[in-house]
Amino acid sequence: MMTPALDYALRVTRELGLSGESSCVDRDKPLRVYIAVEGRLPDHPDREVALLWTECHGWAIAVEEPGTAELTVVEHLGGAVEPPPRTVARWVRRVLAGGHRLPDVARAG
């Protein structure tokens, strides 16, 4: 059954040009989304990258810790919890390219 959160996650996945094959939606509260992202972060070239979303905090970019299933958040997209998929995709591409963040982006502390 398609839920609004699943539909939103699929639209973001498509905007990123990904298949969604390595993605999942956790429907427990709070709702959470995991999307595996192709590419590496310049500061973490040896780590897999994931895009995370929660209905409480919005989007974050995380890297996988070597040898574990643990994720470390390295960047948050500030602003709305559900920004337009195009905004999310543009932010992800900029961060992957090592470019400047969007003005409403807060670095994880």
PDB file of N, CA and C in Angstrom:
ATOM      1  N   MET A   1       0.824  -1.176   0.000  1.00  0.00           N
ATOM      2  CA  MET A   1       0.000   0.000   0.000  1.00  0.00           C
ATOM      3  C   MET A   1       0.878   1.253   0.000  1.00  0.00           C
ATOM      4  N   MET A   2       0.615   2.170  -0.908  1.00  0.00           N
ATOM      5  CA  MET A   2       1.387   3.392  -1.030  1.00  0.00           C
ATOM      6  C   MET A   2       0.936   4.389   0.040  1.00  0.00           C
ATOM      7  N   THR A   3       1.884   4.842   0.837  1.00  0.00           N
ATOM      8  CA  THR A   3       1.602   5.858   1.848  1.00  0.00           C
ATOM      9  C   THR A   3       2.195   7.181   1.370  1.00  0.00           C
ATOM     10  N   PRO A   4       1.768   8.302   1.935  1.00  0.00           N
ATOM     11  CA  PRO A   4       2.371   9.578   1.542  1.00  0.00           C
ATOM     12  C   PRO A   4       3.890   9.603   1.746  1.00  0.00           C
ATOM     13  N   ALA A   5       4.381   9.012   2.832  1.00  0.00           N
ATOM     14  CA  ALA A   5       5.824   8.991   3.082  1.00  0.00           C
ATOM     15  C   ALA A   5       6.550   8.156   2.037  1.00  0.00           C
ATOM     16  N   LEU A   6       5.993   7.013   1.681  1.00  0.00           N
ATOM     17  CA  LEU A   6       6.605   6.166   0.666  1.00  0.00           C
ATOM     18  C   LEU A   6       6.589   6.859  -0.687  1.00  0.00           C
ATOM     19  N   ASP A   7       5.489   7.496  -1.028  1.00  0.00           N
ATOM     20  CA  ASP A   7       5.409   8.242  -2.285  1.00  0.00           C
ATOM     21  C   ASP A   7       6.460   9.348  -2.317  1.00  0.00           C
ATOM     22  N   TYR A   8       6.609  10.080  -1.230  1.00  0.00           N
ATOM     23  CA  TYR A   8       7.600  11.153  -1.152  1.00  0.00           C
ATOM     24  C   TYR A   8       9.013  10.588  -1.324  1.00  0.00           C
ATOM     25  N   ALA A   9       9.328   9.495  -0.630  1.00  0.00           N
ATOM     26  CA  ALA A   9      10.646   8.872  -0.746  1.00  0.00           C
ATOM     27  C   ALA A   9      10.911   8.411  -2.177  1.00  0.00           C
ATOM     28  N   LEU A  10       9.908   7.861  -2.835  1.00  0.00           N
ATOM     29  CA  LEU A  10      10.077   7.427  -4.229  1.00  0.00           C
ATOM     30  C   LEU A  10      10.333   8.610  -5.151  1.00  0.00           C
ATOM     31  N   ARG A  11       9.662   9.722  -4.913  1.00  0.00           N
ATOM     32  CA  ARG A  11       9.881  10.908  -5.748  1.00  0.00           C
ATOM     33  C   ARG A  11      11.298  11.454  -5.561  1.00  0.00           C
ATOM     34  N   VAL A  12      11.804  11.442  -4.331  1.00  0.00           N
ATOM     35  CA  VAL A  12      13.184  11.873  -4.087  1.00  0.00           C
ATOM     36  C   VAL A  12      14.157  10.917  -4.765  1.00  0.00           C
ATOM     37  N   THR A  13      13.911   9.623  -4.636  1.00  0.00           N
ATOM     38  CA  THR A  13      14.769   8.614  -5.263  1.00  0.00           C
ATOM     39  C   THR A  13      14.832   8.819  -6.770  1.00  0.00           C
ATOM     40  N   ARG A  14      13.682   9.030  -7.392  1.00  0.00           N
ATOM     41  CA  ARG A  14      13.642   9.264  -8.845  1.00  0.00           C
ATOM     42  C   ARG A  14      14.372  10.545  -9.226  1.00  0.00           C
ATOM     43  N   GLU A  15      14.204  11.589  -8.434  1.00  0.00           N
ATOM     44  CA  GLU A  15      14.861  12.871  -8.719  1.00  0.00           C
ATOM     45  C   GLU A  15      16.382  12.724  -8.673  1.00  0.00           C
ATOM     46  N   LEU A  16      16.861  11.801  -7.847  1.00  0.00           N
ATOM     47  CA  LEU A  16      18.293  11.519  -7.770  1.00  0.00           C
ATOM     48  C   LEU A  16      18.758  10.578  -8.876  1.00  0.00           C
ATOM     49  N   GLY A  17      17.833  10.056  -9.671  1.00  0.00           N
ATOM     50  CA  GLY A  17      18.188   9.133 -10.741  1.00  0.00           C
ATOM     51  C   GLY A  17      18.539   7.746 -10.238  1.00  0.00           C
ATOM     52  N   LEU A  18      18.047   7.389  -9.063  1.00  0.00           N
ATOM     53  CA  LEU A  18      18.336   6.081  -8.476  1.00  0.00           C
ATOM     54  C   LEU A  18      17.170   5.131  -8.691  1.00  0.00           C
ATOM     55  N   SER A  19      17.459   3.841  -8.624  1.00  0.00           N
ATOM     56  CA  SER A  19      16.413   2.835  -8.812  1.00  0.00           C
ATOM     57  C   SER A  19      15.598   2.603  -7.546  1.00  0.00           C
ATOM     58  N   GLY A  20      16.175   2.902  -6.404  1.00  0.00           N
ATOM     59  CA  GLY A  20      15.500   2.628  -5.140  1.00  0.00           C
ATOM     60  C   GLY A  20      15.704   1.205  -4.666  1.00  0.00           C
ATOM     61  N   GLU A  21      16.509   0.450  -5.417  1.00  0.00           N
ATOM     62  CA  GLU A  21      16.751  -0.955  -5.086  1.00  0.00           C
ATOM     63  C   GLU A  21      17.362  -1.114  -3.691  1.00  0.00           C
ATOM     64  N   SER A  22      18.235  -0.193  -3.311  1.00  0.00           N
ATOM     65  CA  SER A  22      18.882  -0.261  -1.999  1.00  0.00           C
ATOM     66  C   SER A  22      18.292   0.793  -1.070  1.00  0.00           C
ATOM     67  N   SER A  23      16.991   0.737  -0.930  1.00  0.00           N
ATOM     68  CA  SER A  23      16.268   1.696  -0.096  1.00  0.00           C
ATOM     69  C   SER A  23      15.275   0.953   0.777  1.00  0.00           C
ATOM     70  N   CYS A  24      14.888   1.595   1.866  1.00  0.00           N
ATOM     71  CA  CYS A  24      13.826   1.009   2.680  1.00  0.00           C
ATOM     72  C   CYS A  24      13.093   2.108   3.435  1.00  0.00           C
ATOM     73  N   VAL A  25      11.847   1.803   3.767  1.00  0.00           N
ATOM     74  CA  VAL A  25      11.010   2.695   4.555  1.00  0.00           C
ATOM     75  C   VAL A  25      10.602   1.941   5.805  1.00  0.00           C
ATOM     76  N   ASP A  26      10.881   2.520   6.958  1.00  0.00           N
ATOM     77  CA  ASP A  26      10.462   1.953   8.237  1.00  0.00           C
ATOM     78  C   ASP A  26       9.182   2.670   8.628  1.00  0.00           C
ATOM     79  N   ARG A  27       8.083   1.937   8.640  1.00  0.00           N
ATOM     80  CA  ARG A  27       6.772   2.551   8.872  1.00  0.00           C
ATOM     81  C   ARG A  27       6.425   2.727  10.343  1.00  0.00           C
ATOM     82  N   ASP A  28       7.299   2.264  11.228  1.00  0.00           N
ATOM     83  CA  ASP A  28       7.079   2.521  12.653  1.00  0.00           C
ATOM     84  C   ASP A  28       7.229   4.015  12.903  1.00  0.00           C
ATOM     85  N   LYS A  29       6.643   4.478  13.984  1.00  0.00           N
ATOM     86  CA  LYS A  29       6.761   5.894  14.335  1.00  0.00           C
ATOM     87  C   LYS A  29       8.056   6.130  15.092  1.00  0.00           C
ATOM     88  N   PRO A  30       8.839   7.131  14.795  1.00  0.00           N
ATOM     89  CA  PRO A  30       8.637   8.032  13.668  1.00  0.00           C
ATOM     90  C   PRO A  30       9.013   7.344  12.359  1.00  0.00           C
ATOM     91  N   LEU A  31       8.319   7.701  11.291  1.00  0.00           N
ATOM     92  CA  LEU A  31       8.631   7.153   9.972  1.00  0.00           C
ATOM     93  C   LEU A  31      10.070   7.488   9.614  1.00  0.00           C
ATOM     94  N   ARG A  32      10.743   6.512   8.981  1.00  0.00           N
ATOM     95  CA  ARG A  32      12.138   6.709   8.575  1.00  0.00           C
ATOM     96  C   ARG A  32      12.354   6.134   7.189  1.00  0.00           C
ATOM     97  N   VAL A  33      13.255   6.771   6.440  1.00  0.00           N
ATOM     98  CA  VAL A  33      13.608   6.325   5.092  1.00  0.00           C
ATOM     99  C   VAL A  33      15.129   6.220   5.003  1.00  0.00           C
ATOM    100  N   TYR A  34      15.598   5.168   4.324  1.00  0.00           N
ATOM    101  CA  TYR A  34      17.020   4.980   4.024  1.00  0.00           C
ATOM    102  C   TYR A  34      17.138   4.828   2.520  1.00  0.00           C
ATOM    103  N   ILE A  35      17.998   5.619   1.897  1.00  0.00           N
ATOM    104  CA  ILE A  35      18.250   5.517   0.458  1.00  0.00           C
ATOM    105  C   ILE A  35      19.760   5.451   0.261  1.00  0.00           C
ATOM    106  N   ALA A  36      20.250   4.353  -0.311  1.00  0.00           N
ATOM    107  CA  ALA A  36      21.668   4.253  -0.645  1.00  0.00           C
ATOM    108  C   ALA A  36      21.942   5.194  -1.813  1.00  0.00           C
ATOM    109  N   VAL A  37      23.020   5.950  -1.701  1.00  0.00           N
ATOM    110  CA  VAL A  37      23.362   6.952  -2.706  1.00  0.00           C
ATOM    111  C   VAL A  37      24.614   6.516  -3.445  1.00  0.00           C
ATOM    112  N   GLU A  38      24.602   6.673  -4.755  1.00  0.00           N
ATOM    113  CA  GLU A  38      25.793   6.384  -5.552  1.00  0.00           C
ATOM    114  C   GLU A  38      26.763   7.542  -5.410  1.00  0.00           C
ATOM    115  N   GLY A  39      28.022   7.221  -5.206  1.00  0.00           N
ATOM    116  CA  GLY A  39      29.037   8.257  -5.061  1.00  0.00           C
ATOM    117  C   GLY A  39      29.648   8.240  -3.674  1.00  0.00           C
ATOM    118  N   ARG A  40      30.641   9.089  -3.498  1.00  0.00           N
ATOM    119  CA  ARG A  40      31.367   9.197  -2.229  1.00  0.00           C
ATOM    120  C   ARG A  40      31.484  10.670  -1.851  1.00  0.00           C
ATOM    121  N   LEU A  41      31.640  10.913  -0.571  1.00  0.00           N
ATOM    122  CA  LEU A  41      31.877  12.268  -0.099  1.00  0.00           C
ATOM    123  C   LEU A  41      33.375  12.549  -0.144  1.00  0.00           C
ATOM    124  N   PRO A  42      33.768  13.748  -0.556  1.00  0.00           N
ATOM    125  CA  PRO A  42      35.197  14.064  -0.618  1.00  0.00           C
ATOM    126  C   PRO A  42      35.920  13.858   0.713  1.00  0.00           C
ATOM    127  N   ASP A  43      35.259  14.133   1.829  1.00  0.00           N
ATOM    128  CA  ASP A  43      35.885  13.963   3.144  1.00  0.00           C
ATOM    129  C   ASP A  43      35.892  12.515   3.627  1.00  0.00           C
ATOM    130  N   HIS A  44      35.150  11.640   2.950  1.00  0.00           N
ATOM    131  CA  HIS A  44      35.035  10.228   3.343  1.00  0.00           C
ATOM    132  C   HIS A  44      35.053   9.347   2.087  1.00  0.00           C
ATOM    133  N   PRO A  45      36.131   9.382   1.305  1.00  0.00           N
ATOM    134  CA  PRO A  45      36.134   8.685   0.014  1.00  0.00           C
ATOM    135  C   PRO A  45      36.062   7.161   0.099  1.00  0.00           C
ATOM    136  N   ASP A  46      36.322   6.605   1.272  1.00  0.00           N
ATOM    137  CA  ASP A  46      36.314   5.150   1.426  1.00  0.00           C
ATOM    138  C   ASP A  46      35.021   4.620   2.043  1.00  0.00           C
ATOM    139  N   ARG A  47      34.009   5.470   2.181  1.00  0.00           N
ATOM    140  CA  ARG A  47      32.776   5.045   2.849  1.00  0.00           C
ATOM    141  C   ARG A  47      31.556   5.176   1.946  1.00  0.00           C
ATOM    142  N   GLU A  48      30.636   4.227   2.095  1.00  0.00           N
ATOM    143  CA  GLU A  48      29.352   4.278   1.395  1.00  0.00           C
ATOM    144  C   GLU A  48      28.540   5.443   1.945  1.00  0.00           C
ATOM    145  N   VAL A  49      27.696   6.010   1.087  1.00  0.00           N
ATOM    146  CA  VAL A  49      26.886   7.168   1.467  1.00  0.00           C
ATOM    147  C   VAL A  49      25.412   6.785   1.458  1.00  0.00           C
ATOM    148  N   ALA A  50      24.677   7.301   2.430  1.00  0.00           N
ATOM    149  CA  ALA A  50      23.238   7.064   2.504  1.00  0.00           C
ATOM    150  C   ALA A  50      22.519   8.381   2.761  1.00  0.00           C
ATOM    151  N   LEU A  51      21.316   8.448   2.249  1.00  0.00           N
ATOM    152  CA  LEU A  51      20.429   9.576   2.490  1.00  0.00           C
ATOM    153  C   LEU A  51      19.362   9.082   3.456  1.00  0.00           C
ATOM    154  N   LEU A  52      19.189   9.784   4.560  1.00  0.00           N
ATOM    155  CA  LEU A  52      18.244   9.384   5.595  1.00  0.00           C
ATOM    156  C   LEU A  52      17.170  10.452   5.749  1.00  0.00           C
ATOM    157  N   TRP A  53      15.950  10.016   6.071  1.00  0.00           N
ATOM    158  CA  TRP A  53      14.857  10.952   6.337  1.00  0.00           C
ATOM    159  C   TRP A  53      14.052  10.443   7.513  1.00  0.00           C
ATOM    160  N   THR A  54      13.657  11.356   8.389  1.00  0.00           N
ATOM    161  CA  THR A  54      12.681  11.037   9.430  1.00  0.00           C
ATOM    162  C   THR A  54      11.603  12.105   9.395  1.00  0.00           C
ATOM    163  N   GLU A  55      10.411  11.711   9.796  1.00  0.00           N
ATOM    164  CA  GLU A  55       9.302  12.659   9.772  1.00  0.00           C
ATOM    165  C   GLU A  55       9.474  13.773  10.796  1.00  0.00           C
ATOM    166  N   CYS A  56      10.389  13.603  11.729  1.00  0.00           N
ATOM    167  CA  CYS A  56      10.636  14.637  12.748  1.00  0.00           C
ATOM    168  C   CYS A  56      11.751  15.605  12.361  1.00  0.00           C
ATOM    169  N   HIS A  57      12.792  15.091  11.688  1.00  0.00           N
ATOM    170  CA  HIS A  57      13.993  15.895  11.447  1.00  0.00           C
ATOM    171  C   HIS A  57      14.300  16.161   9.982  1.00  0.00           C
ATOM    172  N   GLY A  58      13.602  15.541   9.074  1.00  0.00           N
ATOM    173  CA  GLY A  58      13.883  15.762   7.655  1.00  0.00           C
ATOM    174  C   GLY A  58      15.075  14.954   7.168  1.00  0.00           C
ATOM    175  N   TRP A  59      15.830  15.537   6.231  1.00  0.00           N
ATOM    176  CA  TRP A  59      16.886  14.814   5.512  1.00  0.00           C
ATOM    177  C   TRP A  59      18.266  14.994   6.135  1.00  0.00           C
ATOM    178  N   ALA A  60      19.064  13.926   6.023  1.00  0.00           N
ATOM    179  CA  ALA A  60      20.456  13.948   6.456  1.00  0.00           C
ATOM    180  C   ALA A  60      21.262  13.057   5.521  1.00  0.00           C
ATOM    181  N   ILE A  61      22.527  13.380   5.387  1.00  0.00           N
ATOM    182  CA  ILE A  61      23.463  12.526   4.655  1.00  0.00           C
ATOM    183  C   ILE A  61      24.344  11.857   5.695  1.00  0.00           C
ATOM    184  N   ALA A  62      24.529  10.548   5.529  1.00  0.00           N
ATOM    185  CA  ALA A  62      25.331   9.779   6.478  1.00  0.00           C
ATOM    186  C   ALA A  62      26.331   8.917   5.723  1.00  0.00           C
ATOM    187  N   VAL A  63      27.378   8.521   6.427  1.00  0.00           N
ATOM    188  CA  VAL A  63      28.350   7.579   5.875  1.00  0.00           C
ATOM    189  C   VAL A  63      28.315   6.320   6.725  1.00  0.00           C
ATOM    190  N   GLU A  64      28.565   5.193   6.070  1.00  0.00           N
ATOM    191  CA  GLU A  64      28.602   3.916   6.775  1.00  0.00           C
ATOM    192  C   GLU A  64      29.961   3.741   7.427  1.00  0.00           C
ATOM    193  N   GLU A  65      29.940   3.301   8.673  1.00  0.00           N
ATOM    194  CA  GLU A  65      31.180   3.042   9.390  1.00  0.00           C
ATOM    195  C   GLU A  65      31.782   1.735   8.880  1.00  0.00           C
ATOM    196  N   PRO A  66      33.087   1.713   8.608  1.00  0.00           N
ATOM    197  CA  PRO A  66      33.725   0.508   8.073  1.00  0.00           C
ATOM    198  C   PRO A  66      33.507  -0.711   8.968  1.00  0.00           C
ATOM    199  N   GLY A  67      33.127  -1.809   8.356  1.00  0.00           N
ATOM    200  CA  GLY A  67      32.970  -3.069   9.062  1.00  0.00           C
ATOM    201  C   GLY A  67      31.731  -3.179   9.934  1.00  0.00           C
ATOM    202  N   THR A  68      30.848  -2.193   9.865  1.00  0.00           N
ATOM    203  CA  THR A  68      29.636  -2.231  10.682  1.00  0.00           C
ATOM    204  C   THR A  68      28.441  -1.791   9.843  1.00  0.00           C
ATOM    205  N   ALA A  69      27.273  -1.896  10.436  1.00  0.00           N
ATOM    206  CA  ALA A  69      26.059  -1.389   9.789  1.00  0.00           C
ATOM    207  C   ALA A  69      25.695  -0.012  10.341  1.00  0.00           C
ATOM    208  N   GLU A  70      26.577   0.554  11.159  1.00  0.00           N
ATOM    209  CA  GLU A  70      26.328   1.855  11.778  1.00  0.00           C
ATOM    210  C   GLU A  70      26.491   2.985  10.770  1.00  0.00           C
ATOM    211  N   LEU A  71      25.666   4.015  10.937  1.00  0.00           N
ATOM    212  CA  LEU A  71      25.726   5.204  10.090  1.00  0.00           C
ATOM    213  C   LEU A  71      26.087   6.412  10.938  1.00  0.00           C
ATOM    214  N   THR A  72      26.923   7.274  10.391  1.00  0.00           N
ATOM    215  CA  THR A  72      27.269   8.527  11.044  1.00  0.00           C
ATOM    216  C   THR A  72      26.763   9.672  10.186  1.00  0.00           C
ATOM    217  N   VAL A  73      25.876  10.475  10.744  1.00  0.00           N
ATOM    218  CA  VAL A  73      25.339  11.626  10.015  1.00  0.00           C
ATOM    219  C   VAL A  73      26.425  12.688   9.918  1.00  0.00           C
ATOM    220  N   VAL A  74      26.635  13.185   8.700  1.00  0.00           N
ATOM    221  CA  VAL A  74      27.655  14.209   8.477  1.00  0.00           C
ATOM    222  C   VAL A  74      27.062  15.539   8.031  1.00  0.00           C
ATOM    223  N   GLU A  75      25.804  15.543   7.650  1.00  0.00           N
ATOM    224  CA  GLU A  75      25.186  16.775   7.146  1.00  0.00           C
ATOM    225  C   GLU A  75      23.668  16.673   7.259  1.00  0.00           C
ATOM    226  N   HIS A  76      23.028  17.768   7.642  1.00  0.00           N
ATOM    227  CA  HIS A  76      21.561  17.850   7.672  1.00  0.00           C
ATOM    228  C   HIS A  76      21.102  18.907   6.680  1.00  0.00           C
ATOM    229  N   LEU A  77      19.970  18.663   6.055  1.00  0.00           N
ATOM    230  CA  LEU A  77      19.330  19.676   5.223  1.00  0.00           C
ATOM    231  C   LEU A  77      18.329  20.397   6.111  1.00  0.00           C
ATOM    232  N   GLY A  78      18.569  21.647   6.378  1.00  0.00           N
ATOM    233  CA  GLY A  78      17.673  22.414   7.236  1.00  0.00           C
ATOM    234  C   GLY A  78      16.395  22.782   6.505  1.00  0.00           C
ATOM    235  N   GLY A  79      15.565  23.523   7.174  1.00  0.00           N
ATOM    236  CA  GLY A  79      14.319  23.979   6.569  1.00  0.00           C
ATOM    237  C   GLY A  79      13.200  22.985   6.766  1.00  0.00           C
ATOM    238  N   ALA A  80      12.345  22.896   5.773  1.00  0.00           N
ATOM    239  CA  ALA A  80      11.160  22.038   5.844  1.00  0.00           C
ATOM    240  C   ALA A  80      11.538  20.568   6.006  1.00  0.00           C
ATOM    241  N   VAL A  81      10.685  19.826   6.694  1.00  0.00           N
ATOM    242  CA  VAL A  81      10.901  18.389   6.873  1.00  0.00           C
ATOM    243  C   VAL A  81      10.711  17.651   5.552  1.00  0.00           C
ATOM    244  N   GLU A  82       9.817  18.135   4.700  1.00  0.00           N
ATOM    245  CA  GLU A  82       9.568  17.523   3.391  1.00  0.00           C
ATOM    246  C   GLU A  82       9.751  18.555   2.287  1.00  0.00           C
ATOM    247  N   PRO A  83      11.004  18.966   2.031  1.00  0.00           N
ATOM    248  CA  PRO A  83      11.223  19.909   0.939  1.00  0.00           C
ATOM    249  C   PRO A  83      10.948  19.229  -0.400  1.00  0.00           C
ATOM    250  N   PRO A  84      10.778  20.002  -1.462  1.00  0.00           N
ATOM    251  CA  PRO A  84      10.550  19.391  -2.769  1.00  0.00           C
ATOM    252  C   PRO A  84      11.686  18.426  -3.128  1.00  0.00           C
ATOM    253  N   PRO A  85      11.361  17.308  -3.785  1.00  0.00           N
ATOM    254  CA  PRO A  85      12.399  16.348  -4.179  1.00  0.00           C
ATOM    255  C   PRO A  85      13.553  16.987  -4.947  1.00  0.00           C
ATOM    256  N   ARG A  86      13.265  17.967  -5.785  1.00  0.00           N
ATOM    257  CA  ARG A  86      14.329  18.636  -6.553  1.00  0.00           C
ATOM    258  C   ARG A  86      15.310  19.341  -5.608  1.00  0.00           C
ATOM    259  N   THR A  87      14.815  19.939  -4.536  1.00  0.00           N
ATOM    260  CA  THR A  87      15.678  20.603  -3.554  1.00  0.00           C
ATOM    261  C   THR A  87      16.585  19.587  -2.873  1.00  0.00           C
ATOM    262  N   VAL A  88      16.031  18.448  -2.498  1.00  0.00           N
ATOM    263  CA  VAL A  88      16.817  17.393  -1.854  1.00  0.00           C
ATOM    264  C   VAL A  88      17.898  16.893  -2.810  1.00  0.00           C
ATOM    265  N   ALA A  89      17.534  16.622  -4.052  1.00  0.00           N
ATOM    266  CA  ALA A  89      18.495  16.107  -5.034  1.00  0.00           C
ATOM    267  C   ALA A  89      19.613  17.113  -5.288  1.00  0.00           C
ATOM    268  N   ARG A  90      19.267  18.383  -5.398  1.00  0.00           N
ATOM    269  CA  ARG A  90      20.279  19.417  -5.637  1.00  0.00           C
ATOM    270  C   ARG A  90      21.249  19.479  -4.454  1.00  0.00           C
ATOM    271  N   TRP A  91      20.722  19.403  -3.243  1.00  0.00           N
ATOM    272  CA  TRP A  91      21.560  19.413  -2.046  1.00  0.00           C
ATOM    273  C   TRP A  91      22.497  18.201  -2.018  1.00  0.00           C
ATOM    274  N   VAL A  92      21.970  17.020  -2.292  1.00  0.00           N
ATOM    275  CA  VAL A  92      22.798  15.808  -2.288  1.00  0.00           C
ATOM    276  C   VAL A  92      23.914  15.928  -3.318  1.00  0.00           C
ATOM    277  N   ARG A  93      23.587  16.371  -4.515  1.00  0.00           N
ATOM    278  CA  ARG A  93      24.613  16.504  -5.562  1.00  0.00           C
ATOM    279  C   ARG A  93      25.699  17.500  -5.162  1.00  0.00           C
ATOM    280  N   ARG A  94      25.309  18.602  -4.551  1.00  0.00           N
ATOM    281  CA  ARG A  94      26.303  19.595  -4.118  1.00  0.00           C
ATOM    282  C   ARG A  94      27.218  19.023  -3.046  1.00  0.00           C
ATOM    283  N   VAL A  95      26.645  18.332  -2.078  1.00  0.00           N
ATOM    284  CA  VAL A  95      27.459  17.760  -1.001  1.00  0.00           C
ATOM    285  C   VAL A  95      28.397  16.693  -1.564  1.00  0.00           C
ATOM    286  N   LEU A  96      27.913  15.841  -2.464  1.00  0.00           N
ATOM    287  CA  LEU A  96      28.765  14.812  -3.071  1.00  0.00           C
ATOM    288  C   LEU A  96      29.901  15.429  -3.880  1.00  0.00           C
ATOM    289  N   ALA A  97      29.638  16.570  -4.492  1.00  0.00           N
ATOM    290  CA  ALA A  97      30.654  17.242  -5.303  1.00  0.00           C
ATOM    291  C   ALA A  97      31.621  18.061  -4.448  1.00  0.00           C
ATOM    292  N   GLY A  98      31.356  18.134  -3.152  1.00  0.00           N
ATOM    293  CA  GLY A  98      32.222  18.917  -2.282  1.00  0.00           C
ATOM    294  C   GLY A  98      31.958  20.405  -2.386  1.00  0.00           C
ATOM    295  N   GLY A  99      30.840  20.757  -3.031  1.00  0.00           N
ATOM    296  CA  GLY A  99      30.509  22.166  -3.211  1.00  0.00           C
ATOM    297  C   GLY A  99      29.886  22.770  -1.975  1.00  0.00           C
ATOM    298  N   HIS A 100      29.519  24.005  -2.125  1.00  0.00           N
ATOM    299  CA  HIS A 100      28.902  24.734  -1.017  1.00  0.00           C
ATOM    300  C   HIS A 100      27.519  24.192  -0.738  1.00  0.00           C
ATOM    301  N   ARG A 101      27.192  24.168   0.520  1.00  0.00           N
ATOM    302  CA  ARG A 101      25.859  23.750   0.917  1.00  0.00           C
ATOM    303  C   ARG A 101      24.868  24.841   0.562  1.00  0.00           C
ATOM    304  N   LEU A 102      23.607  24.467   0.512  1.00  0.00           N
ATOM    305  CA  LEU A 102      22.552  25.456   0.324  1.00  0.00           C
ATOM    306  C   LEU A 102      22.471  26.321   1.575  1.00  0.00           C
ATOM    307  N   PRO A 103      21.953  27.539   1.486  1.00  0.00           N
ATOM    308  CA  PRO A 103      21.927  28.435   2.640  1.00  0.00           C
ATOM    309  C   PRO A 103      21.211  27.877   3.865  1.00  0.00           C
ATOM    310  N   ASP A 104      20.205  27.017   3.683  1.00  0.00           N
ATOM    311  CA  ASP A 104      19.451  26.526   4.837  1.00  0.00           C
ATOM    312  C   ASP A 104      19.941  25.171   5.333  1.00  0.00           C
ATOM    313  N   VAL A 105      21.183  24.837   5.035  1.00  0.00           N
ATOM    314  CA  VAL A 105      21.742  23.551   5.439  1.00  0.00           C
ATOM    315  C   VAL A 105      22.599  23.742   6.682  1.00  0.00           C
ATOM    316  N   ALA A 106      22.430  22.868   7.636  1.00  0.00           N
ATOM    317  CA  ALA A 106      23.228  22.911   8.863  1.00  0.00           C
ATOM    318  C   ALA A 106      24.137  21.692   8.922  1.00  0.00           C
ATOM    319  N   ARG A 107      25.400  21.917   9.219  1.00  0.00           N
ATOM    320  CA  ARG A 107      26.348  20.807   9.347  1.00  0.00           C
ATOM    321  C   ARG A 107      26.100  20.104  10.673  1.00  0.00           C
ATOM    322  N   ALA A 108      26.176  18.778  10.626  1.00  0.00           N
ATOM    323  CA  ALA A 108      25.997  17.994  11.857  1.00  0.00           C
ATOM    324  C   ALA A 108      27.132  18.320  12.818  1.00  0.00           C
ATOM    325  N   GLY A 109      26.802  18.394  14.089  1.00  0.00           N
ATOM    326  CA  GLY A 109      27.816  18.739  15.091  1.00  0.00           C
ATOM    327  C   GLY A 109      28.342  17.537  15.682  1.00  0.00           C
TER     328      GLY A 109
END
